[in-house]
Amino acid sequence: MPDDNVIRPAFGVPRTAAPASGPEPAQEHLQDSLDASLQNALRILGAGAGHRVGLIRDPSAAEGDVVRVVVGPEDAPVVETVALLPATADAEAEAERIGFAILRALEVVEGAP
């Protein structure tokens, strides 16, 4: 599987403001799903540079049953999906590989002068 779609190009850049009418229903579903799934995270892989990295199995995602690689501040109860994989037999292992790569990058950033 190519890694060109693992981290979205705007990762770390503040998002633009939501329209005045509020978030789209799909985004509301995603946030509700992530809020519920945080209680059932497959695993927290670790933390670096003030952020934690984890895996979430999300069978109710709009895309179908998926495994999410998520990153969020250690001191906040929010996460953002940075990789999304269909929940196949190998998905958790692939998501773990991606998550550990992101975690290592955060550790490098944390140790940078």
C-alpha atoms as a PDB file:
ATOM      1  CA  MET A   1       0.000   0.000   0.000  1.00  0.00           C
ATOM      2  CA  PRO A   2       1.525   3.365  -0.975  1.00  0.00           C
ATOM      3  CA  ASP A   3       1.992   5.920   1.780  1.00  0.00           C
ATOM      4  CA  ASP A   4       1.112   8.961  -0.337  1.00  0.00           C
ATOM      5  CA  ASN A   5      -2.315   9.224   1.318  1.00  0.00           C
ATOM      6  CA  VAL A   6      -1.277   8.654   4.927  1.00  0.00           C
ATOM      7  CA  ILE A   7      -0.946  12.233   6.147  1.00  0.00           C
ATOM      8  CA  ARG A   8      -3.155  14.853   4.608  1.00  0.00           C
ATOM      9  CA  PRO A   9      -1.210  17.733   3.046  1.00  0.00           C
ATOM     10  CA  ALA A  10      -2.643  20.283   5.487  1.00  0.00           C
ATOM     11  CA  PHE A  11      -1.855  18.296   8.663  1.00  0.00           C
ATOM     12  CA  GLY A  12      -0.962  20.694  11.448  1.00  0.00           C
ATOM     13  CA  VAL A  13      -2.384  23.716   9.639  1.00  0.00           C
ATOM     14  CA  PRO A  14      -5.375  25.336  11.350  1.00  0.00           C
ATOM     15  CA  ARG A  15      -8.633  24.458   9.665  1.00  0.00           C
ATOM     16  CA  THR A  16     -10.733  27.126   8.042  1.00  0.00           C
ATOM     17  CA  ALA A  17     -13.780  28.243   9.989  1.00  0.00           C
ATOM     18  CA  ALA A  18     -16.916  26.150   9.592  1.00  0.00           C
ATOM     19  CA  PRO A  19     -19.804  27.715   7.659  1.00  0.00           C
ATOM     20  CA  ALA A  20     -22.258  29.727   9.755  1.00  0.00           C
ATOM     21  CA  SER A  21     -24.889  27.008   9.265  1.00  0.00           C
ATOM     22  CA  GLY A  22     -22.772  24.564  11.309  1.00  0.00           C
ATOM     23  CA  PRO A  23     -20.933  21.406  10.411  1.00  0.00           C
ATOM     24  CA  GLU A  24     -22.158  19.141   7.664  1.00  0.00           C
ATOM     25  CA  PRO A  25     -24.085  16.061   8.828  1.00  0.00           C
ATOM     26  CA  ALA A  26     -21.234  13.783   7.754  1.00  0.00           C
ATOM     27  CA  GLN A  27     -18.814  15.757   9.912  1.00  0.00           C
ATOM     28  CA  GLU A  28     -21.237  15.668  12.841  1.00  0.00           C
ATOM     29  CA  HIS A  29     -21.427  11.888  12.426  1.00  0.00           C
ATOM     30  CA  LEU A  30     -17.638  11.664  12.290  1.00  0.00           C
ATOM     31  CA  GLN A  31     -17.205  13.707  15.473  1.00  0.00           C
ATOM     32  CA  ASP A  32     -19.938  11.730  17.279  1.00  0.00           C
ATOM     33  CA  SER A  33     -18.337   8.526  16.076  1.00  0.00           C
ATOM     34  CA  LEU A  34     -14.871   9.625  17.207  1.00  0.00           C
ATOM     35  CA  ASP A  35     -16.198  10.796  20.579  1.00  0.00           C
ATOM     36  CA  ALA A  36     -17.811   7.401  21.155  1.00  0.00           C
ATOM     37  CA  SER A  37     -14.829   5.523  19.754  1.00  0.00           C
ATOM     38  CA  LEU A  38     -12.332   7.292  22.011  1.00  0.00           C
ATOM     39  CA  GLN A  39     -13.822   5.250  24.822  1.00  0.00           C
ATOM     40  CA  ASN A  40     -13.062   2.094  22.794  1.00  0.00           C
ATOM     41  CA  ALA A  41      -9.678   2.930  21.272  1.00  0.00           C
ATOM     42  CA  LEU A  42      -7.902  -0.170  20.034  1.00  0.00           C
ATOM     43  CA  ARG A  43      -4.713   1.152  21.491  1.00  0.00           C
ATOM     44  CA  ILE A  44      -2.824   4.291  22.369  1.00  0.00           C
ATOM     45  CA  LEU A  45       0.566   3.847  20.687  1.00  0.00           C
ATOM     46  CA  GLY A  46       2.348   6.580  22.605  1.00  0.00           C
ATOM     47  CA  ALA A  47       3.005  10.293  22.785  1.00  0.00           C
ATOM     48  CA  GLY A  48       5.553  12.753  21.465  1.00  0.00           C
ATOM     49  CA  ALA A  49       5.806  16.526  21.057  1.00  0.00           C
ATOM     50  CA  GLY A  50       2.707  16.979  23.210  1.00  0.00           C
ATOM     51  CA  HIS A  51       0.499  14.755  21.046  1.00  0.00           C
ATOM     52  CA  ARG A  52      -0.766  11.216  21.454  1.00  0.00           C
ATOM     53  CA  VAL A  53      -1.134   8.692  18.633  1.00  0.00           C
ATOM     54  CA  GLY A  54      -3.704   5.917  18.686  1.00  0.00           C
ATOM     55  CA  LEU A  55      -5.806   3.482  16.710  1.00  0.00           C
ATOM     56  CA  ILE A  56      -9.611   3.433  16.667  1.00  0.00           C
ATOM     57  CA  ARG A  57     -11.836   0.764  15.095  1.00  0.00           C
ATOM     58  CA  ASP A  58     -14.907   2.572  13.725  1.00  0.00           C
ATOM     59  CA  PRO A  59     -17.553   0.193  12.342  1.00  0.00           C
ATOM     60  CA  SER A  60     -20.119   3.015  12.032  1.00  0.00           C
ATOM     61  CA  ALA A  61     -18.019   5.300   9.786  1.00  0.00           C
ATOM     62  CA  ALA A  62     -19.605   6.697   6.639  1.00  0.00           C
ATOM     63  CA  GLU A  63     -16.930   4.801   4.673  1.00  0.00           C
ATOM     64  CA  GLY A  64     -17.891   1.503   6.326  1.00  0.00           C
ATOM     65  CA  ASP A  65     -15.959  -0.481   8.922  1.00  0.00           C
ATOM     66  CA  VAL A  66     -12.546   1.220   9.188  1.00  0.00           C
ATOM     67  CA  VAL A  67      -9.468   1.486  11.378  1.00  0.00           C
ATOM     68  CA  ARG A  68      -8.430   5.077  12.051  1.00  0.00           C
ATOM     69  CA  VAL A  69      -4.975   6.303  12.970  1.00  0.00           C
ATOM     70  CA  VAL A  70      -5.597   9.368  15.102  1.00  0.00           C
ATOM     71  CA  VAL A  71      -3.454  12.142  16.568  1.00  0.00           C
ATOM     72  CA  GLY A  72      -4.477  14.640  19.218  1.00  0.00           C
ATOM     73  CA  PRO A  73      -3.049  16.874  21.922  1.00  0.00           C
ATOM     74  CA  GLU A  74      -2.186  15.016  25.129  1.00  0.00           C
ATOM     75  CA  ASP A  75      -4.038  17.575  27.238  1.00  0.00           C
ATOM     76  CA  ALA A  76      -7.297  17.612  25.234  1.00  0.00           C
ATOM     77  CA  PRO A  77      -9.996  14.995  24.626  1.00  0.00           C
ATOM     78  CA  VAL A  78      -9.970  15.507  20.850  1.00  0.00           C
ATOM     79  CA  VAL A  79      -8.260  13.651  18.043  1.00  0.00           C
ATOM     80  CA  GLU A  80      -8.000  14.017  14.295  1.00  0.00           C
ATOM     81  CA  THR A  81      -7.918  11.168  11.827  1.00  0.00           C
ATOM     82  CA  VAL A  82      -4.665  11.193   9.851  1.00  0.00           C
ATOM     83  CA  ALA A  83      -5.044   7.788   8.186  1.00  0.00           C
ATOM     84  CA  LEU A  84      -8.093   5.683   7.395  1.00  0.00           C
ATOM     85  CA  LEU A  85      -7.922   2.031   6.382  1.00  0.00           C
ATOM     86  CA  PRO A  86     -10.721  -0.397   5.494  1.00  0.00           C
ATOM     87  CA  ALA A  87     -11.067  -2.916   8.334  1.00  0.00           C
ATOM     88  CA  THR A  88      -9.537  -5.927   6.602  1.00  0.00           C
ATOM     89  CA  ALA A  89      -7.585  -8.768   8.180  1.00  0.00           C
ATOM     90  CA  ASP A  90      -4.323  -6.808   7.820  1.00  0.00           C
ATOM     91  CA  ALA A  91      -5.693  -3.335   8.606  1.00  0.00           C
ATOM     92  CA  GLU A  92      -4.724  -3.203  12.267  1.00  0.00           C
ATOM     93  CA  ALA A  93      -1.116  -4.192  11.521  1.00  0.00           C
ATOM     94  CA  GLU A  94      -0.890  -1.611   8.722  1.00  0.00           C
ATOM     95  CA  ALA A  95      -2.484   1.074  10.913  1.00  0.00           C
ATOM     96  CA  GLU A  96      -0.023   0.216  13.667  1.00  0.00           C
ATOM     97  CA  ARG A  97       2.898   0.619  11.245  1.00  0.00           C
ATOM     98  CA  ILE A  98       1.586   4.020  10.155  1.00  0.00           C
ATOM     99  CA  GLY A  99       0.912   5.073  13.747  1.00  0.00           C
ATOM    100  CA  PHE A 100       4.412   4.148  14.905  1.00  0.00           C
ATOM    101  CA  ALA A 101       5.908   6.086  11.969  1.00  0.00           C
ATOM    102  CA  ILE A 102       3.903   9.154  12.994  1.00  0.00           C
ATOM    103  CA  LEU A 103       4.893   8.650  16.628  1.00  0.00           C
ATOM    104  CA  ARG A 104       8.569   8.439  15.663  1.00  0.00           C
ATOM    105  CA  ALA A 105       8.238  11.662  13.649  1.00  0.00           C
ATOM    106  CA  LEU A 106       6.713  13.387  16.691  1.00  0.00           C
ATOM    107  CA  GLU A 107       9.560  12.112  18.870  1.00  0.00           C
ATOM    108  CA  VAL A 108      12.093  13.519  16.391  1.00  0.00           C
ATOM    109  CA  VAL A 109      10.302  16.880  16.415  1.00  0.00           C
ATOM    110  CA  GLU A 110      10.221  16.831  20.213  1.00  0.00           C
ATOM    111  CA  GLY A 111      13.965  16.253  20.386  1.00  0.00           C
ATOM    112  CA  ALA A 112      14.840  18.873  17.768  1.00  0.00           C
ATOM    113  CA  PRO A 113      16.810  21.878  19.069  1.00  0.00           C
END
